[in-house]
């Protein structure tokens, strides 16, 4: 066992504080990673504050992890000391169910994927995440970060990047595809960049036009305010695919009406309340509403390689670990463009 510095949540109401945690010894199939950067995801905040169910306090959040390999187990074949690597939203799964065998480990049903934090590892101990100096992970759940992607910019790709890339790929986004992205935040800005890189025509749908300059700079061809009722009239029947990156409860009748025949609206955020879906909005247009959860290990590696090839990286603001609590408040106030990334040097 080794002891490392970290920032942990001790309750749903207290600020995160500096502490120490233990990491397991490196097993035969393990990779020890010195963490250099960890992204702050909105889901970290939901989890810390107990909004998504039971939390095992004290808990170290963070599932957007980038760093360097410092040690490998005797049976490791995929990595060596010094490699640039990443860890995303999960660090294990059953490896036996039909979904794991199909490379869709995020949908593991036996009993489910093991979260990078607030999960339970095979050793029966709580998993602790990336707001820390180091982590030990089975090699099968570690990603190679291409040399052309800076480590600080790689971190958010391990959640925000794959969360938006996976549905774009699943619904065959490419040249001629008309995509709308609801919300221009941590997820939304990457959804725009990735959809454009895949060749789609992209429109941003946001409450206001205050980020319009950014949206067009990122590659969107159009930008509309959803607070303007004329937006829904003008764009009716316009899109093959809509990615909803926000967690607010929207009027789905309005947004489903923006889809063309056989169009799909994909939920990526998790609204607080159940969604009301008028049947007529689906029936008249043979439209679909679906969901998507991050991506499997193979698809996440595909995403990283795609981003390296096409120069897709997130817009980030790098902060020190002692700024985490302030960063949380700024995320809640939508005061970040577009992802906070913790530089963990002070913890190493």
Protein backbone atom coordinates (compact mmCIF):
# COMPACT_ATOMS: atom_id res chain seq x y z
CA UNK A 1 0.00 0.00 0.00
CA UNK A 2 1.11 3.57 -0.63
CA UNK A 3 -0.16 6.85 0.79
CA UNK A 4 -0.86 9.82 -1.48
CA UNK A 5 -2.23 13.32 -1.04
CA UNK A 6 -5.73 14.06 -2.27
CA UNK A 7 -8.76 16.34 -1.95
CA UNK A 8 -11.82 14.59 -0.56
CA UNK A 9 -15.45 15.29 0.23
CA UNK A 10 -16.35 14.39 3.81
CA UNK A 11 -20.07 15.10 3.53
CA UNK A 12 -22.66 16.48 1.13
CA UNK A 13 -22.43 19.97 2.65
CA UNK A 14 -18.79 20.50 3.65
CA UNK A 15 -16.17 21.85 1.23
CA UNK A 16 -13.59 19.43 -0.12
CA UNK A 17 -10.44 19.35 1.98
CA UNK A 18 -6.89 18.09 1.66
CA UNK A 19 -6.22 14.64 3.08
CA UNK A 20 -4.29 11.45 2.40
CA UNK A 21 -5.57 8.18 0.97
CA UNK A 22 -4.05 4.77 0.35
CA UNK A 23 -3.53 3.12 -3.02
CA UNK A 24 -3.15 -0.62 -3.40
CA UNK A 25 0.15 -2.24 -4.25
CA UNK A 26 0.74 -2.77 -7.97
CA UNK A 27 -0.56 -6.21 -8.91
CA UNK A 28 0.46 -8.34 -11.85
CA UNK A 29 -1.97 -6.61 -14.22
CA UNK A 30 -1.86 -3.14 -12.70
CA UNK A 31 -0.46 0.18 -13.85
CA UNK A 32 0.59 2.84 -11.34
CA UNK A 33 -0.02 6.35 -12.66
CA UNK A 34 1.37 9.64 -11.39
CA UNK A 35 -1.56 11.99 -11.94
CA UNK A 36 -0.68 15.32 -13.54
CA UNK A 37 -4.13 16.67 -14.38
CA UNK A 38 -7.73 15.90 -13.40
CA UNK A 39 -10.79 17.50 -14.96
CA UNK A 40 -13.71 18.80 -12.90
CA UNK A 41 -16.91 17.31 -14.27
CA UNK A 42 -20.37 18.52 -13.26
CA UNK A 43 -21.13 14.92 -12.29
CA UNK A 44 -18.38 15.22 -9.64
CA UNK A 45 -20.44 17.95 -8.01
CA UNK A 46 -23.71 16.02 -8.25
CA UNK A 47 -22.05 13.02 -6.62
CA UNK A 48 -20.22 14.97 -3.91
CA UNK A 49 -23.48 16.64 -2.90
CA UNK A 50 -25.40 13.38 -2.73
CA UNK A 51 -27.72 14.28 -5.59
CA UNK A 52 -27.25 10.97 -7.42
CA UNK A 53 -27.70 8.53 -4.57
CA UNK A 54 -25.62 7.14 -1.73
CA UNK A 55 -22.05 8.38 -1.31
CA UNK A 56 -19.25 6.60 0.52
CA UNK A 57 -17.59 9.45 2.42
CA UNK A 58 -14.80 10.39 2.59
CA UNK A 59 -14.69 10.35 -1.21
CA UNK A 60 -12.11 11.63 -3.67
CA UNK A 61 -13.86 12.65 -6.94
CA UNK A 62 -12.36 12.89 -10.39
CA UNK A 63 -12.80 10.66 -13.46
CA UNK A 64 -10.95 12.71 -16.07
CA UNK A 65 -7.38 11.68 -15.28
CA UNK A 66 -4.17 12.21 -17.25
CA UNK A 67 -0.64 11.38 -16.17
CA UNK A 68 2.46 9.24 -16.57
CA UNK A 69 3.07 5.57 -15.84
CA UNK A 70 5.49 5.08 -12.95
CA UNK A 71 5.27 1.29 -12.47
CA UNK A 72 3.73 -1.70 -14.22
CA UNK A 73 2.87 -5.18 -12.99
CA UNK A 74 4.71 -8.30 -14.10
CA UNK A 75 1.99 -9.35 -16.58
CA UNK A 76 1.30 -5.90 -18.08
CA UNK A 77 1.78 -5.83 -21.86
CA UNK A 78 0.07 -2.61 -22.99
CA UNK A 79 2.09 0.00 -21.08
CA UNK A 80 5.58 0.83 -19.87
CA UNK A 81 7.08 3.30 -17.44
CA UNK A 82 6.93 6.83 -18.83
CA UNK A 83 3.88 6.31 -21.06
CA UNK A 84 1.32 9.12 -21.26
CA UNK A 85 -1.96 7.62 -20.12
CA UNK A 86 -5.48 8.43 -19.03
CA UNK A 87 -8.25 6.97 -16.89
CA UNK A 88 -11.91 7.74 -17.44
CA UNK A 89 -15.17 7.09 -15.66
CA UNK A 90 -14.65 3.45 -14.70
CA UNK A 91 -11.77 1.26 -13.56
CA UNK A 92 -13.26 -2.23 -13.81
CA UNK A 93 -16.25 -4.28 -14.95
CA UNK A 94 -17.26 -7.93 -14.81
CA UNK A 95 -15.44 -8.73 -18.11
CA UNK A 96 -17.83 -11.63 -18.71
CA UNK A 97 -21.30 -10.28 -19.60
CA UNK A 98 -22.39 -9.75 -23.20
CA UNK A 99 -21.78 -6.02 -23.00
CA UNK A 100 -18.26 -6.29 -21.62
CA UNK A 101 -17.41 -8.88 -24.27
CA UNK A 102 -18.77 -6.51 -26.92
CA UNK A 103 -16.52 -3.68 -25.72
CA UNK A 104 -19.41 -1.80 -24.12
CA UNK A 105 -18.10 -2.09 -20.56
CA UNK A 106 -19.98 1.04 -19.48
CA UNK A 107 -23.21 -0.97 -19.77
CA UNK A 108 -21.88 -3.95 -17.77
CA UNK A 109 -24.84 -5.64 -16.07
CA UNK A 110 -23.07 -8.12 -13.80
CA UNK A 111 -23.56 -6.12 -11.62
CA UNK A 112 -22.21 -3.01 -13.34
CA UNK A 113 -19.07 -1.05 -14.14
CA UNK A 114 -16.89 -0.01 -11.20
CA UNK A 115 -16.76 3.77 -11.04
CA UNK A 116 -13.40 5.48 -10.77
CA UNK A 117 -14.71 6.95 -7.53
CA UNK A 118 -17.61 6.12 -5.20
CA UNK A 119 -17.48 2.52 -6.41
CA UNK A 120 -16.30 -0.72 -4.86
CA UNK A 121 -13.24 -2.47 -6.27
CA UNK A 122 -12.61 -6.20 -6.50
CA UNK A 123 -10.78 -5.95 -3.18
CA UNK A 124 -13.96 -4.71 -1.52
CA UNK A 125 -12.50 -1.26 -0.90
CA UNK A 126 -14.06 2.04 -2.03
CA UNK A 127 -12.58 3.46 -5.22
CA UNK A 128 -11.07 6.95 -5.02
CA UNK A 129 -10.66 9.26 -7.99
CA UNK A 130 -8.32 11.68 -9.66
CA UNK A 131 -8.18 14.67 -7.33
CA UNK A 132 -5.04 12.99 -6.01
CA UNK A 133 -1.35 12.46 -6.65
CA UNK A 134 -1.48 8.92 -8.02
CA UNK A 135 -3.75 5.98 -8.83
CA UNK A 136 -3.37 2.26 -9.51
CA UNK A 137 -5.60 0.80 -12.26
CA UNK A 138 -5.84 -2.52 -14.10
CA UNK A 139 -4.20 -2.10 -17.51
CA UNK A 140 -7.43 -3.04 -19.31
CA UNK A 141 -9.04 0.20 -18.12
CA UNK A 142 -6.17 2.55 -18.96
CA UNK A 143 -5.96 4.61 -22.18
CA UNK A 144 -3.00 5.74 -24.29
CA UNK A 145 -2.87 9.52 -24.72
CA UNK A 146 -1.40 10.44 -28.14
CA UNK A 147 1.71 12.63 -28.02
CA UNK A 148 0.03 15.48 -29.87
CA UNK A 149 -2.58 16.03 -27.13
CA UNK A 150 -1.25 17.99 -24.11
CA UNK A 151 -1.97 16.16 -20.86
CA UNK A 152 -4.01 19.04 -19.42
CA UNK A 153 -6.26 19.08 -22.48
CA UNK A 154 -6.46 15.29 -22.60
CA UNK A 155 -8.10 15.01 -19.16
CA UNK A 156 -11.61 16.28 -20.09
CA UNK A 157 -11.69 14.04 -23.14
CA UNK A 158 -11.91 11.03 -20.79
CA UNK A 159 -15.49 11.96 -19.86
CA UNK A 160 -16.79 15.01 -21.74
CA UNK A 161 -15.08 13.91 -24.93
CA UNK A 162 -16.28 10.32 -25.02
CA UNK A 163 -19.75 11.27 -23.74
CA UNK A 164 -20.30 13.34 -26.88
CA UNK A 165 -18.23 11.28 -29.33
CA UNK A 166 -20.03 8.00 -28.64
CA UNK A 167 -23.55 9.12 -29.69
CA UNK A 168 -22.17 10.95 -32.71
CA UNK A 169 -20.53 7.73 -33.87
CA UNK A 170 -23.45 5.50 -32.89
CA UNK A 171 -25.86 7.55 -35.01
CA UNK A 172 -23.40 7.64 -37.95
CA UNK A 173 -22.64 11.34 -37.96
CA UNK A 174 -20.78 12.43 -41.06
CA UNK A 175 -20.93 14.72 -44.09
CA UNK A 176 -24.52 15.70 -44.78
CA UNK A 177 -25.69 15.05 -41.21
CA UNK A 178 -27.51 17.96 -39.59
CA UNK A 179 -26.70 18.06 -35.86
CA UNK A 180 -28.01 20.36 -33.15
CA UNK A 181 -26.28 20.68 -29.78
CA UNK A 182 -28.34 21.89 -26.83
CA UNK A 183 -26.11 23.87 -24.49
CA UNK A 184 -22.59 25.20 -24.96
CA UNK A 185 -20.82 24.08 -21.80
CA UNK A 186 -18.26 21.44 -20.90
CA UNK A 187 -20.04 18.79 -22.95
CA UNK A 188 -21.60 21.04 -25.55
CA UNK A 189 -18.45 22.76 -26.74
CA UNK A 190 -16.79 19.39 -27.36
CA UNK A 191 -19.92 18.08 -29.07
CA UNK A 192 -19.65 20.99 -31.52
CA UNK A 193 -15.95 20.41 -32.19
CA UNK A 194 -16.35 16.66 -32.65
CA UNK A 195 -19.44 16.86 -34.86
CA UNK A 196 -17.72 19.43 -37.09
CA UNK A 197 -14.61 17.22 -37.29
CA UNK A 198 -16.85 14.34 -38.38
CA UNK A 199 -18.16 16.50 -41.22
CA UNK A 200 -21.59 17.41 -39.88
CA UNK A 201 -23.40 20.73 -40.23
CA UNK A 202 -23.78 21.91 -36.63
CA UNK A 203 -26.21 24.29 -34.94
CA UNK A 204 -26.03 25.37 -31.31
CA UNK A 205 -29.25 25.81 -29.33
CA UNK A 206 -28.69 27.87 -26.19
CA UNK A 207 -30.90 29.88 -23.85
CA UNK A 208 -29.33 33.12 -25.01
CA UNK A 209 -26.89 34.41 -27.61
CA UNK A 210 -24.19 35.37 -25.09
CA UNK A 211 -21.87 32.57 -26.24
CA UNK A 212 -22.69 32.90 -29.92
CA UNK A 213 -19.23 34.18 -30.86
CA UNK A 214 -17.65 31.16 -29.19
CA UNK A 215 -20.04 28.71 -30.81
CA UNK A 216 -19.30 29.99 -34.30
CA UNK A 217 -15.57 30.06 -33.56
CA UNK A 218 -15.74 26.40 -32.51
CA UNK A 219 -17.23 25.50 -35.88
CA UNK A 220 -21.01 25.78 -35.61
CA UNK A 221 -22.67 27.19 -38.71
CA UNK A 222 -25.72 28.53 -36.84
CA UNK A 223 -26.52 29.61 -33.27
CA UNK A 224 -30.02 30.20 -31.94
CA UNK A 225 -31.54 31.33 -28.65
CA UNK A 226 -34.17 28.92 -27.33
CA UNK A 227 -35.68 31.73 -25.25
CA UNK A 228 -36.98 33.08 -28.57
CA UNK A 229 -40.12 31.15 -29.53
CA UNK A 230 -39.48 31.89 -33.20
CA UNK A 231 -36.45 29.57 -33.01
CA UNK A 232 -38.73 26.52 -32.77
CA UNK A 233 -40.86 27.70 -35.68
CA UNK A 234 -37.92 28.52 -37.93
CA UNK A 235 -36.03 25.28 -37.26
CA UNK A 236 -38.92 22.84 -37.21
CA UNK A 237 -37.97 19.57 -38.92
CA UNK A 238 -34.35 20.64 -39.43
CA UNK A 239 -32.13 18.08 -37.68
CA UNK A 240 -31.19 14.44 -38.03
CA UNK A 241 -29.65 14.31 -34.57
CA UNK A 242 -29.93 16.48 -31.46
CA UNK A 243 -27.54 16.05 -28.52
CA UNK A 244 -28.96 17.42 -25.29
CA UNK A 245 -25.98 18.22 -23.09
CA UNK A 246 -27.87 20.03 -20.31
CA UNK A 247 -29.52 18.55 -17.24
CA UNK A 248 -32.51 20.88 -17.12
CA UNK A 249 -36.03 19.61 -17.71
CA UNK A 250 -36.85 20.89 -21.20
CA UNK A 251 -40.14 21.06 -23.06
CA UNK A 252 -39.46 17.98 -25.15
CA UNK A 253 -42.37 18.62 -27.47
CA UNK A 254 -40.57 21.74 -28.69
CA UNK A 255 -37.25 20.00 -29.22
CA UNK A 256 -38.63 16.81 -30.76
CA UNK A 257 -40.37 19.05 -33.26
CA UNK A 258 -36.97 20.17 -34.50
CA UNK A 259 -36.18 16.66 -35.74
CA UNK A 260 -36.69 15.48 -39.27
CA UNK A 261 -38.30 12.16 -40.20
CA UNK A 262 -36.54 9.37 -38.26
CA UNK A 263 -34.55 11.92 -36.28
CA UNK A 264 -33.14 11.18 -32.83
CA UNK A 265 -32.80 13.29 -29.70
CA UNK A 266 -30.11 11.90 -27.37
CA UNK A 267 -30.13 12.71 -23.65
CA UNK A 268 -26.63 13.12 -22.22
CA UNK A 269 -27.53 15.05 -19.06
CA UNK A 270 -29.70 13.72 -16.23
CA UNK A 271 -32.59 16.06 -15.35
CA UNK A 272 -33.72 16.27 -11.75
CA UNK A 273 -37.31 15.35 -12.56
CA UNK A 274 -38.82 12.68 -14.87
CA UNK A 275 -39.13 13.78 -18.47
CA UNK A 276 -42.56 14.26 -19.99
CA UNK A 277 -42.64 12.97 -23.57
CA UNK A 278 -45.81 13.64 -25.61
CA UNK A 279 -46.51 10.58 -27.74
CA UNK A 280 -47.63 12.70 -30.67
CA UNK A 281 -44.19 14.34 -30.87
CA UNK A 282 -42.73 10.89 -31.52
CA UNK A 283 -45.46 9.38 -33.66
CA UNK A 284 -45.77 12.23 -36.17
CA UNK A 285 -42.32 12.00 -37.69
CA UNK A 286 -41.27 8.54 -36.46
CA UNK A 287 -38.88 10.32 -34.13
CA UNK A 288 -36.88 8.79 -31.30
CA UNK A 289 -35.61 9.87 -27.92
CA UNK A 290 -32.63 7.97 -26.61
CA UNK A 291 -29.78 8.15 -24.12
CA UNK A 292 -26.08 7.47 -24.18
CA UNK A 293 -23.55 6.74 -21.43
CA UNK A 294 -19.87 7.59 -22.04
CA UNK A 295 -18.24 4.80 -24.10
CA UNK A 296 -16.32 1.55 -23.81
CA UNK A 297 -12.54 1.36 -23.53
CA UNK A 298 -11.99 0.63 -27.24
CA UNK A 299 -14.25 3.49 -28.33
CA UNK A 300 -12.61 5.86 -25.85
CA UNK A 301 -9.22 5.04 -27.35
CA UNK A 302 -10.72 5.58 -30.80
CA UNK A 303 -11.94 8.98 -29.64
CA UNK A 304 -8.51 9.99 -28.34
CA UNK A 305 -6.87 8.94 -31.60
CA UNK A 306 -9.54 10.81 -33.59
CA UNK A 307 -8.97 13.96 -31.53
CA UNK A 308 -5.23 13.71 -32.10
CA UNK A 309 -5.72 13.30 -35.85
CA UNK A 310 -8.17 16.19 -36.16
CA UNK A 311 -6.73 18.57 -33.58
CA UNK A 312 -9.79 18.44 -31.32
CA UNK A 313 -9.12 19.51 -27.73
CA UNK A 314 -11.26 21.12 -25.04
CA UNK A 315 -11.15 24.76 -23.98
CA UNK A 316 -9.84 24.65 -20.41
CA UNK A 317 -8.95 26.73 -17.37
CA UNK A 318 -6.19 25.15 -15.28
CA UNK A 319 -6.45 25.61 -11.50
CA UNK A 320 -4.54 24.53 -8.40
CA UNK A 321 -6.03 21.94 -6.01
CA UNK A 322 -6.79 24.58 -3.37
CA UNK A 323 -9.15 26.25 -5.87
CA UNK A 324 -11.44 23.22 -6.22
CA UNK A 325 -14.25 24.55 -4.02
CA UNK A 326 -14.29 27.90 -5.81
CA UNK A 327 -14.26 26.07 -9.14
CA UNK A 328 -17.33 24.08 -8.05
CA UNK A 329 -19.24 27.29 -7.35
CA UNK A 330 -18.21 28.72 -10.69
CA UNK A 331 -19.35 25.55 -12.50
CA UNK A 332 -22.75 25.87 -10.84
CA UNK A 333 -22.87 29.51 -11.96
CA UNK A 334 -21.89 28.52 -15.54
CA UNK A 335 -18.80 30.68 -15.10
CA UNK A 336 -16.22 28.60 -16.94
CA UNK A 337 -15.26 28.35 -20.59
CA UNK A 338 -15.39 25.47 -20.75
CA UNK A 339 -13.75 22.98 -18.38
CA UNK A 340 -11.77 23.33 -15.18
CA UNK A 341 -8.69 21.12 -15.00
CA UNK A 342 -6.76 20.62 -11.76
CA UNK A 343 -2.98 20.74 -11.99
CA UNK A 344 -2.05 18.21 -9.29
CA UNK A 345 1.58 19.30 -8.93
CA UNK A 346 0.92 20.57 -5.39
CA UNK A 347 -0.27 17.07 -4.43
CA UNK A 348 2.66 15.14 -5.90
